[in-house]
């Protein structure tokens, strides 16, 4: 996949006594260098200006499948990801997708996008599906051509009776926007002009075996460097959906405060939203295929939200949690797991 660009040389005769050269008033012209010479030399082309790469349509018709190598779904829920059909040679046919080797209780629905090689793959697991990791194959068929893509699937349980925390009184970061929105760098997730897409995050996500409620788009919807009130009660753990910006943020402190004025502090390292360092106590809860730029465009690289679980003293009533004192740690949701769950 090459696209050639060229630089051109021009020879201009100089009148006697010339001292300056005025360039064209045209923003679409770029001058990289100017040289002068006394001799009268003629510029001659050394090679014709055409490329000699073979046509992308050359060769026998074929195609390949491209999809993320891993997928996860929780019992009783669905998860959606994309799979692309990449034509090779002179291929211009239609490809029918199917799945082979799915574990019991799991099904897949494929939908094509008009005028696009991208297909949507919705994986659903019923409540009786086994919680395990296994492999299945996405099979693409077009006439006599058959291609496969192996995907590692993890089916996870969801804890019952968990309590989502209402973070709206504490929201102080705008980190989620609708696709096509334009926003200032200071009103973005990273403070530099990039945010998550509401289309990819939806209204809730699953991570670390709990459901996380997401905040609204185009408004303050996440929390950083703040103490968050928790629903009074006795819980066994606090589950947090968060990410780091400006690189990995190591040895960050989360402090759980109890109603009896005692507290406990957990030290946790967080991976940057652009990639995982697989820190202890960290799980990849959400992987989205792109993020949004403040000019309304899309940055087509995978980005992440990570899930963390912090044990609490089940004999004490929680009051609040103090988040790390860093703008580079952003919390999107918190869910509490009652004692005995």
Foldseek 3Di string as FASTA:
>chain_A
DDDDDDDDDDDDDDDPPDDDDDDDPDPVDDDDDDDDDDDDDDDDDPDDPDDDDDDQQADDKAWAKDFDQEEEDEAQGKDKGKMFIGIGHNDDFDKDKDKFDDAPQKHWDWADDPPGRMIMIMIHGHNPTDFAKDKMWIWIDDPPYIYIHIHIYGYHYADPPKAWWPCVVAQDAQAEAAFQAADDLCRYLQSGFWHAYCVQCPQWFDDPRYIWGFADHPDRFWHDQFKFWDDWAFFFKKKFKKAFAPFKAFQFWKWWAFPVRDIDIDTFIHGHFQDDPPTPQKDFGGWGQWIAGNNNDIGGHITTIIMGMGTDDRVTITTIMGGGRDSRMIIGIMMTHHPPD
